[in-house]
Amino acid sequence: MLNEKVYKALNEQVGKELFSSYLYLSMAAYFDSIDLPGFAKWMKVQAKEELGHAMKIYEFIYERGERVEFPALEKPQASWESPLKAFEAAYHHEKFITDSINKIYECAKEEKDYATEQFLQWFIKEQVEEEAQTELIVRKLKKLQDSPTGLYMLDRELGSRE
């Protein structure tokens, strides 16, 4: 059994991870609509990864003898001013998710829920990678300064993500 506070926070995190997947699919649709298939592919891979994160928490809640309760998901933003603005939004979203994971970790620590603390270690490490990935792309986009050639090259690079 999970502590009530920890259980509630983990359920909320499932919703946040599902929204992340939804948001990144929306970004993929935006990139497809402006003929950047590599950017779109990168976001589609990211969306699958976020769904995997939601499922990882889902399974943990279930293993602890609880049932997942799904929150309603809000509609994600559908377009951005530029590829840079979209990736800046992705970076800020990853920082939001990091903060959320850290708060759950603190809650688990306060409640002496050692299993959840241990479980969240993977997510803490993963968020360092998530933030670094998106921040690097933001920095690259800023360096391009609207260069069509640079954008094409970055599109090809992002399209190689597996």
N, C-alpha and C. Protein backbone atom coordinates (compact mmCIF):
# COMPACT_ATOMS: atom_id res chain seq x y z
N MET A 1 0.84 -1.19 0.00
CA MET A 1 0.00 0.00 0.00
C MET A 1 0.88 1.25 0.00
N LEU A 2 0.41 2.24 -0.72
CA LEU A 2 1.11 3.52 -0.77
C LEU A 2 0.52 4.49 0.24
N ASN A 3 1.35 5.34 0.76
CA ASN A 3 0.88 6.44 1.59
C ASN A 3 -0.07 7.28 0.74
N GLU A 4 -1.12 7.82 1.32
CA GLU A 4 -2.15 8.56 0.58
C GLU A 4 -1.57 9.76 -0.19
N LYS A 5 -0.68 10.53 0.44
CA LYS A 5 -0.08 11.70 -0.23
C LYS A 5 0.76 11.26 -1.43
N VAL A 6 1.55 10.23 -1.24
CA VAL A 6 2.42 9.72 -2.30
C VAL A 6 1.57 9.15 -3.43
N TYR A 7 0.54 8.40 -3.07
CA TYR A 7 -0.37 7.82 -4.06
C TYR A 7 -1.00 8.91 -4.92
N LYS A 8 -1.48 9.96 -4.29
CA LYS A 8 -2.12 11.07 -5.01
C LYS A 8 -1.11 11.73 -5.95
N ALA A 9 0.10 11.98 -5.46
CA ALA A 9 1.13 12.62 -6.27
C ALA A 9 1.54 11.76 -7.47
N LEU A 10 1.66 10.45 -7.25
CA LEU A 10 2.01 9.55 -8.36
C LEU A 10 0.91 9.51 -9.41
N ASN A 11 -0.35 9.49 -8.97
CA ASN A 11 -1.46 9.52 -9.93
C ASN A 11 -1.43 10.80 -10.75
N GLU A 12 -1.17 11.92 -10.08
CA GLU A 12 -1.08 13.19 -10.80
C GLU A 12 0.07 13.17 -11.81
N GLN A 13 1.16 12.51 -11.43
CA GLN A 13 2.31 12.43 -12.33
C GLN A 13 2.00 11.59 -13.56
N VAL A 14 1.20 10.55 -13.40
CA VAL A 14 0.78 9.77 -14.58
C VAL A 14 0.10 10.72 -15.57
N GLY A 15 -0.78 11.57 -15.07
CA GLY A 15 -1.45 12.54 -15.93
C GLY A 15 -0.48 13.51 -16.58
N LYS A 16 0.51 13.96 -15.83
CA LYS A 16 1.50 14.90 -16.38
C LYS A 16 2.33 14.24 -17.47
N GLU A 17 2.67 12.97 -17.27
CA GLU A 17 3.44 12.26 -18.29
C GLU A 17 2.60 12.02 -19.55
N LEU A 18 1.32 11.69 -19.36
CA LEU A 18 0.43 11.52 -20.51
C LEU A 18 0.26 12.84 -21.25
N PHE A 19 0.13 13.94 -20.50
CA PHE A 19 0.03 15.25 -21.14
C PHE A 19 1.31 15.56 -21.91
N SER A 20 2.46 15.19 -21.35
CA SER A 20 3.73 15.41 -22.05
C SER A 20 3.71 14.72 -23.40
N SER A 21 3.23 13.49 -23.43
CA SER A 21 3.13 12.75 -24.68
C SER A 21 2.20 13.47 -25.66
N TYR A 22 1.08 13.91 -25.15
CA TYR A 22 0.08 14.64 -25.93
C TYR A 22 0.68 15.94 -26.49
N LEU A 23 1.41 16.67 -25.65
CA LEU A 23 2.04 17.92 -26.06
C LEU A 23 3.06 17.67 -27.16
N TYR A 24 3.89 16.65 -27.00
CA TYR A 24 4.92 16.39 -27.99
C TYR A 24 4.32 15.88 -29.30
N LEU A 25 3.21 15.18 -29.24
CA LEU A 25 2.52 14.81 -30.48
C LEU A 25 1.97 16.05 -31.17
N SER A 26 1.48 17.00 -30.39
CA SER A 26 1.01 18.26 -30.95
C SER A 26 2.16 19.02 -31.61
N MET A 27 3.32 18.99 -30.98
CA MET A 27 4.50 19.63 -31.57
C MET A 27 4.90 18.91 -32.85
N ALA A 28 4.80 17.59 -32.86
CA ALA A 28 5.11 16.83 -34.07
C ALA A 28 4.18 17.24 -35.21
N ALA A 29 2.90 17.39 -34.91
CA ALA A 29 1.93 17.81 -35.93
C ALA A 29 2.28 19.21 -36.45
N TYR A 30 2.69 20.09 -35.54
CA TYR A 30 3.12 21.44 -35.95
C TYR A 30 4.31 21.34 -36.90
N PHE A 31 5.32 20.56 -36.52
CA PHE A 31 6.51 20.45 -37.37
C PHE A 31 6.19 19.80 -38.71
N ASP A 32 5.32 18.80 -38.71
CA ASP A 32 4.90 18.22 -39.99
C ASP A 32 4.22 19.28 -40.86
N SER A 33 3.41 20.14 -40.24
CA SER A 33 2.67 21.16 -40.99
C SER A 33 3.57 22.23 -41.60
N ILE A 34 4.78 22.39 -41.07
CA ILE A 34 5.70 23.38 -41.64
C ILE A 34 6.87 22.69 -42.36
N ASP A 35 6.64 21.46 -42.76
CA ASP A 35 7.60 20.70 -43.59
C ASP A 35 8.96 20.50 -42.94
N LEU A 36 8.94 20.14 -41.66
CA LEU A 36 10.16 19.77 -40.95
C LEU A 36 9.99 18.34 -40.40
N PRO A 37 10.07 17.35 -41.30
CA PRO A 37 9.81 15.97 -40.88
C PRO A 37 10.80 15.42 -39.86
N GLY A 38 12.03 15.90 -39.86
CA GLY A 38 13.01 15.45 -38.87
C GLY A 38 12.64 15.94 -37.47
N PHE A 39 12.23 17.19 -37.38
CA PHE A 39 11.76 17.74 -36.11
C PHE A 39 10.53 16.96 -35.64
N ALA A 40 9.63 16.67 -36.59
CA ALA A 40 8.41 15.92 -36.26
C ALA A 40 8.76 14.53 -35.74
N LYS A 41 9.70 13.87 -36.41
CA LYS A 41 10.08 12.52 -35.97
C LYS A 41 10.67 12.58 -34.56
N TRP A 42 11.51 13.55 -34.29
CA TRP A 42 12.11 13.69 -32.96
C TRP A 42 11.02 13.80 -31.91
N MET A 43 10.01 14.61 -32.19
CA MET A 43 8.91 14.80 -31.23
C MET A 43 8.05 13.54 -31.10
N LYS A 44 7.86 12.80 -32.17
CA LYS A 44 7.10 11.55 -32.10
C LYS A 44 7.82 10.54 -31.22
N VAL A 45 9.14 10.46 -31.37
CA VAL A 45 9.93 9.57 -30.51
C VAL A 45 9.81 10.03 -29.05
N GLN A 46 9.86 11.34 -28.85
CA GLN A 46 9.74 11.89 -27.50
C GLN A 46 8.37 11.57 -26.91
N ALA A 47 7.33 11.68 -27.72
CA ALA A 47 5.97 11.38 -27.26
C ALA A 47 5.87 9.93 -26.79
N LYS A 48 6.47 9.00 -27.54
CA LYS A 48 6.46 7.59 -27.14
C LYS A 48 7.21 7.39 -25.82
N GLU A 49 8.31 8.10 -25.69
CA GLU A 49 9.10 8.00 -24.46
C GLU A 49 8.28 8.46 -23.25
N GLU A 50 7.57 9.56 -23.41
CA GLU A 50 6.75 10.09 -22.31
C GLU A 50 5.61 9.13 -21.96
N LEU A 51 5.04 8.50 -22.95
CA LEU A 51 4.01 7.48 -22.69
C LEU A 51 4.62 6.33 -21.89
N GLY A 52 5.84 5.97 -22.23
CA GLY A 52 6.56 4.94 -21.47
C GLY A 52 6.77 5.33 -20.02
N HIS A 53 7.05 6.61 -19.79
CA HIS A 53 7.21 7.09 -18.41
C HIS A 53 5.89 6.95 -17.64
N ALA A 54 4.80 7.31 -18.30
CA ALA A 54 3.48 7.18 -17.65
C ALA A 54 3.22 5.72 -17.30
N MET A 55 3.54 4.82 -18.20
CA MET A 55 3.30 3.39 -17.96
C MET A 55 4.19 2.85 -16.85
N LYS A 56 5.40 3.36 -16.74
CA LYS A 56 6.32 2.94 -15.68
C LYS A 56 5.72 3.29 -14.31
N ILE A 57 5.16 4.49 -14.20
CA ILE A 57 4.52 4.90 -12.94
C ILE A 57 3.24 4.10 -12.72
N TYR A 58 2.48 3.89 -13.79
CA TYR A 58 1.26 3.07 -13.72
C TYR A 58 1.58 1.71 -13.10
N GLU A 59 2.60 1.04 -13.64
CA GLU A 59 2.97 -0.30 -13.16
C GLU A 59 3.43 -0.25 -11.70
N PHE A 60 4.15 0.77 -11.32
CA PHE A 60 4.61 0.89 -9.94
C PHE A 60 3.41 1.03 -9.00
N ILE A 61 2.47 1.88 -9.35
CA ILE A 61 1.28 2.06 -8.52
C ILE A 61 0.55 0.73 -8.37
N TYR A 62 0.40 0.02 -9.48
CA TYR A 62 -0.28 -1.28 -9.46
C TYR A 62 0.49 -2.29 -8.59
N GLU A 63 1.81 -2.33 -8.73
CA GLU A 63 2.63 -3.25 -7.92
C GLU A 63 2.52 -2.96 -6.43
N ARG A 64 2.22 -1.73 -6.09
CA ARG A 64 2.09 -1.35 -4.68
C ARG A 64 0.66 -1.57 -4.18
N GLY A 65 -0.18 -2.24 -4.98
CA GLY A 65 -1.51 -2.61 -4.53
C GLY A 65 -2.57 -1.54 -4.70
N GLU A 66 -2.29 -0.55 -5.54
CA GLU A 66 -3.24 0.54 -5.75
C GLU A 66 -3.75 0.54 -7.19
N ARG A 67 -4.69 1.40 -7.44
CA ARG A 67 -5.27 1.54 -8.78
C ARG A 67 -5.00 2.94 -9.29
N VAL A 68 -4.62 3.05 -10.55
CA VAL A 68 -4.36 4.35 -11.16
C VAL A 68 -5.69 5.03 -11.45
N GLU A 69 -5.74 6.31 -11.12
CA GLU A 69 -6.90 7.13 -11.43
C GLU A 69 -6.45 8.20 -12.41
N PHE A 70 -7.02 8.18 -13.61
CA PHE A 70 -6.57 9.08 -14.66
C PHE A 70 -7.27 10.43 -14.59
N PRO A 71 -6.47 11.50 -14.59
CA PRO A 71 -7.07 12.83 -14.62
C PRO A 71 -7.45 13.20 -16.05
N ALA A 72 -8.30 14.19 -16.20
CA ALA A 72 -8.62 14.71 -17.53
C ALA A 72 -7.37 15.43 -18.06
N LEU A 73 -7.17 15.35 -19.36
CA LEU A 73 -6.04 16.03 -19.97
C LEU A 73 -6.54 17.27 -20.70
N GLU A 74 -5.80 18.37 -20.52
CA GLU A 74 -6.17 19.58 -21.24
C GLU A 74 -5.66 19.49 -22.67
N LYS A 75 -6.24 20.29 -23.54
CA LYS A 75 -5.81 20.32 -24.93
C LYS A 75 -4.46 21.03 -24.99
N PRO A 76 -3.46 20.44 -25.66
CA PRO A 76 -2.16 21.10 -25.75
C PRO A 76 -2.18 22.22 -26.79
N GLN A 77 -1.22 23.10 -26.67
CA GLN A 77 -1.03 24.15 -27.67
C GLN A 77 -0.84 23.47 -29.02
N ALA A 78 -1.28 24.11 -30.10
CA ALA A 78 -1.25 23.47 -31.42
C ALA A 78 -0.25 24.09 -32.39
N SER A 79 0.17 25.31 -32.12
CA SER A 79 1.15 25.92 -33.03
C SER A 79 2.05 26.86 -32.24
N TRP A 80 3.18 27.15 -32.84
CA TRP A 80 4.20 28.00 -32.22
C TRP A 80 4.67 29.00 -33.25
N GLU A 81 5.28 30.05 -32.79
CA GLU A 81 5.79 31.11 -33.65
C GLU A 81 6.91 30.62 -34.56
N SER A 82 7.69 29.65 -34.05
CA SER A 82 8.86 29.17 -34.79
C SER A 82 9.31 27.85 -34.18
N PRO A 83 10.19 27.12 -34.88
CA PRO A 83 10.76 25.91 -34.27
C PRO A 83 11.47 26.22 -32.95
N LEU A 84 12.16 27.35 -32.88
CA LEU A 84 12.82 27.74 -31.64
C LEU A 84 11.81 27.89 -30.51
N LYS A 85 10.71 28.57 -30.76
CA LYS A 85 9.69 28.76 -29.71
C LYS A 85 9.11 27.42 -29.27
N ALA A 86 8.94 26.50 -30.20
CA ALA A 86 8.42 25.17 -29.84
C ALA A 86 9.40 24.44 -28.93
N PHE A 87 10.69 24.48 -29.28
CA PHE A 87 11.67 23.79 -28.44
C PHE A 87 11.91 24.50 -27.11
N GLU A 88 11.77 25.81 -27.10
CA GLU A 88 11.84 26.51 -25.81
C GLU A 88 10.68 26.06 -24.92
N ALA A 89 9.50 25.89 -25.52
CA ALA A 89 8.34 25.40 -24.75
C ALA A 89 8.60 23.98 -24.25
N ALA A 90 9.20 23.14 -25.08
CA ALA A 90 9.53 21.77 -24.67
C ALA A 90 10.53 21.78 -23.51
N TYR A 91 11.53 22.65 -23.60
CA TYR A 91 12.52 22.75 -22.53
C TYR A 91 11.87 23.20 -21.22
N HIS A 92 11.02 24.21 -21.28
CA HIS A 92 10.34 24.68 -20.07
C HIS A 92 9.41 23.60 -19.51
N HIS A 93 8.80 22.84 -20.40
CA HIS A 93 7.93 21.74 -19.94
C HIS A 93 8.76 20.68 -19.22
N GLU A 94 9.92 20.36 -19.75
CA GLU A 94 10.78 19.37 -19.08
C GLU A 94 11.22 19.86 -17.71
N LYS A 95 11.49 21.15 -17.57
CA LYS A 95 11.84 21.71 -16.27
C LYS A 95 10.65 21.59 -15.30
N PHE A 96 9.44 21.79 -15.82
CA PHE A 96 8.22 21.63 -15.01
C PHE A 96 8.10 20.18 -14.53
N ILE A 97 8.36 19.22 -15.42
CA ILE A 97 8.27 17.80 -15.06
C ILE A 97 9.35 17.45 -14.02
N THR A 98 10.54 17.98 -14.20
CA THR A 98 11.62 17.76 -13.22
C THR A 98 11.18 18.24 -11.84
N ASP A 99 10.62 19.43 -11.78
CA ASP A 99 10.16 19.98 -10.52
C ASP A 99 9.09 19.09 -9.89
N SER A 100 8.20 18.59 -10.72
CA SER A 100 7.13 17.71 -10.23
C SER A 100 7.70 16.40 -9.65
N ILE A 101 8.63 15.80 -10.35
CA ILE A 101 9.28 14.56 -9.87
C ILE A 101 9.99 14.83 -8.55
N ASN A 102 10.71 15.95 -8.49
CA ASN A 102 11.42 16.29 -7.26
C ASN A 102 10.47 16.46 -6.08
N LYS A 103 9.31 17.05 -6.32
CA LYS A 103 8.32 17.23 -5.26
C LYS A 103 7.77 15.89 -4.78
N ILE A 104 7.57 14.96 -5.69
CA ILE A 104 7.10 13.63 -5.29
C ILE A 104 8.18 12.94 -4.47
N TYR A 105 9.43 13.09 -4.89
CA TYR A 105 10.54 12.50 -4.15
C TYR A 105 10.58 13.05 -2.72
N GLU A 106 10.43 14.35 -2.58
CA GLU A 106 10.42 14.98 -1.26
C GLU A 106 9.25 14.46 -0.42
N CYS A 107 8.11 14.31 -1.04
CA CYS A 107 6.93 13.77 -0.34
C CYS A 107 7.21 12.35 0.14
N ALA A 108 7.77 11.52 -0.74
CA ALA A 108 8.08 10.14 -0.37
C ALA A 108 9.09 10.10 0.78
N LYS A 109 10.05 11.00 0.72
CA LYS A 109 11.07 11.07 1.77
C LYS A 109 10.42 11.46 3.11
N GLU A 110 9.56 12.48 3.08
CA GLU A 110 8.86 12.91 4.30
C GLU A 110 7.99 11.81 4.88
N GLU A 111 7.39 11.02 4.01
CA GLU A 111 6.49 9.95 4.45
C GLU A 111 7.22 8.64 4.71
N LYS A 112 8.54 8.66 4.58
CA LYS A 112 9.38 7.48 4.79
C LYS A 112 8.96 6.30 3.89
N ASP A 113 8.64 6.65 2.64
CA ASP A 113 8.27 5.66 1.63
C ASP A 113 9.52 5.36 0.81
N TYR A 114 10.33 4.46 1.33
CA TYR A 114 11.63 4.17 0.74
C TYR A 114 11.53 3.53 -0.64
N ALA A 115 10.52 2.74 -0.86
CA ALA A 115 10.35 2.10 -2.17
C ALA A 115 10.09 3.14 -3.25
N THR A 116 9.24 4.12 -2.94
CA THR A 116 8.97 5.17 -3.92
C THR A 116 10.19 6.05 -4.14
N GLU A 117 10.92 6.34 -3.07
CA GLU A 117 12.17 7.09 -3.22
C GLU A 117 13.10 6.38 -4.20
N GLN A 118 13.28 5.09 -4.00
CA GLN A 118 14.15 4.30 -4.87
C GLN A 118 13.63 4.30 -6.30
N PHE A 119 12.34 4.11 -6.47
CA PHE A 119 11.71 4.09 -7.78
C PHE A 119 11.95 5.41 -8.52
N LEU A 120 11.85 6.52 -7.82
CA LEU A 120 11.96 7.83 -8.45
C LEU A 120 13.39 8.19 -8.85
N GLN A 121 14.38 7.46 -8.35
CA GLN A 121 15.77 7.73 -8.74
C GLN A 121 15.94 7.66 -10.26
N TRP A 122 15.30 6.69 -10.88
CA TRP A 122 15.40 6.55 -12.34
C TRP A 122 14.86 7.80 -13.03
N PHE A 123 13.73 8.30 -12.55
CA PHE A 123 13.12 9.48 -13.15
C PHE A 123 13.98 10.73 -12.94
N ILE A 124 14.60 10.84 -11.80
CA ILE A 124 15.46 11.99 -11.52
C ILE A 124 16.61 12.02 -12.52
N LYS A 125 17.23 10.87 -12.72
CA LYS A 125 18.33 10.77 -13.70
C LYS A 125 17.82 11.04 -15.11
N GLU A 126 16.68 10.48 -15.45
CA GLU A 126 16.08 10.65 -16.77
C GLU A 126 15.80 12.13 -17.06
N GLN A 127 15.33 12.87 -16.07
CA GLN A 127 15.02 14.27 -16.28
C GLN A 127 16.26 15.11 -16.54
N VAL A 128 17.38 14.73 -15.97
CA VAL A 128 18.63 15.44 -16.28
C VAL A 128 18.90 15.30 -17.78
N GLU A 129 18.73 14.10 -18.32
CA GLU A 129 18.93 13.85 -19.75
C GLU A 129 17.90 14.60 -20.60
N GLU A 130 16.64 14.58 -20.17
CA GLU A 130 15.57 15.23 -20.93
C GLU A 130 15.83 16.73 -21.05
N GLU A 131 16.18 17.36 -19.94
CA GLU A 131 16.46 18.80 -19.97
C GLU A 131 17.68 19.10 -20.84
N ALA A 132 18.73 18.32 -20.70
CA ALA A 132 19.95 18.55 -21.47
C ALA A 132 19.69 18.43 -22.97
N GLN A 133 18.92 17.40 -23.37
CA GLN A 133 18.60 17.19 -24.79
C GLN A 133 17.88 18.39 -25.38
N THR A 134 16.81 18.82 -24.72
CA THR A 134 16.01 19.91 -25.28
C THR A 134 16.76 21.23 -25.22
N GLU A 135 17.52 21.45 -24.16
CA GLU A 135 18.29 22.69 -24.07
C GLU A 135 19.34 22.78 -25.18
N LEU A 136 19.97 21.65 -25.50
CA LEU A 136 20.96 21.63 -26.58
C LEU A 136 20.32 22.03 -27.92
N ILE A 137 19.14 21.51 -28.18
CA ILE A 137 18.45 21.85 -29.43
C ILE A 137 18.08 23.33 -29.44
N VAL A 138 17.64 23.86 -28.31
CA VAL A 138 17.35 25.30 -28.21
C VAL A 138 18.60 26.11 -28.55
N ARG A 139 19.74 25.72 -27.98
CA ARG A 139 20.99 26.45 -28.24
C ARG A 139 21.36 26.38 -29.73
N LYS A 140 21.18 25.21 -30.33
CA LYS A 140 21.48 25.07 -31.76
C LYS A 140 20.56 25.96 -32.59
N LEU A 141 19.28 25.96 -32.27
CA LEU A 141 18.34 26.79 -33.01
C LEU A 141 18.66 28.28 -32.87
N LYS A 142 19.10 28.70 -31.71
CA LYS A 142 19.48 30.10 -31.51
C LYS A 142 20.69 30.47 -32.37
N LYS A 143 21.63 29.55 -32.51
CA LYS A 143 22.82 29.80 -33.32
C LYS A 143 22.48 29.90 -34.81
N LEU A 144 21.44 29.20 -35.23
CA LEU A 144 21.07 29.21 -36.65
C LEU A 144 20.59 30.57 -37.12
N GLN A 145 19.95 31.33 -36.25
CA GLN A 145 19.44 32.66 -36.57
C GLN A 145 18.70 32.69 -37.92
N ASP A 146 17.71 31.86 -38.04
CA ASP A 146 16.84 31.81 -39.24
C ASP A 146 17.55 31.38 -40.51
N SER A 147 18.64 30.66 -40.40
CA SER A 147 19.33 30.15 -41.58
C SER A 147 18.56 28.96 -42.15
N PRO A 148 18.01 29.08 -43.36
CA PRO A 148 17.29 27.94 -43.95
C PRO A 148 18.19 26.70 -44.12
N THR A 149 19.43 26.92 -44.49
CA THR A 149 20.36 25.80 -44.66
C THR A 149 20.63 25.11 -43.31
N GLY A 150 20.86 25.93 -42.28
CA GLY A 150 21.09 25.38 -40.95
C GLY A 150 19.87 24.63 -40.44
N LEU A 151 18.69 25.18 -40.68
CA LEU A 151 17.46 24.53 -40.25
C LEU A 151 17.29 23.18 -40.96
N TYR A 152 17.59 23.15 -42.25
CA TYR A 152 17.53 21.90 -43.02
C TYR A 152 18.50 20.87 -42.45
N MET A 153 19.71 21.31 -42.13
CA MET A 153 20.70 20.38 -41.58
C MET A 153 20.28 19.85 -40.21
N LEU A 154 19.74 20.74 -39.37
CA LEU A 154 19.26 20.30 -38.06
C LEU A 154 18.07 19.37 -38.21
N ASP A 155 17.20 19.64 -39.17
CA ASP A 155 16.07 18.75 -39.44
C ASP A 155 16.55 17.34 -39.77
N ARG A 156 17.57 17.26 -40.59
CA ARG A 156 18.15 15.94 -40.94
C ARG A 156 18.73 15.26 -39.70
N GLU A 157 19.43 16.03 -38.87
CA GLU A 157 20.02 15.48 -37.65
C GLU A 157 18.94 14.95 -36.71
N LEU A 158 17.91 15.75 -36.47
CA LEU A 158 16.84 15.33 -35.55
C LEU A 158 16.06 14.14 -36.10
N GLY A 159 15.97 14.05 -37.42
CA GLY A 159 15.26 12.93 -38.04
C GLY A 159 15.94 11.59 -37.87
N SER A 160 17.20 11.62 -37.46
CA SER A 160 17.93 10.35 -37.29
C SER A 160 17.71 9.73 -35.91
N ARG A 161 16.93 10.41 -35.07
CA ARG A 161 16.67 9.87 -33.72
C ARG A 161 15.88 8.58 -33.80
N GLU A 162 16.33 7.61 -33.03
CA GLU A 162 15.62 6.32 -33.00
C GLU A 162 14.78 6.21 -31.76
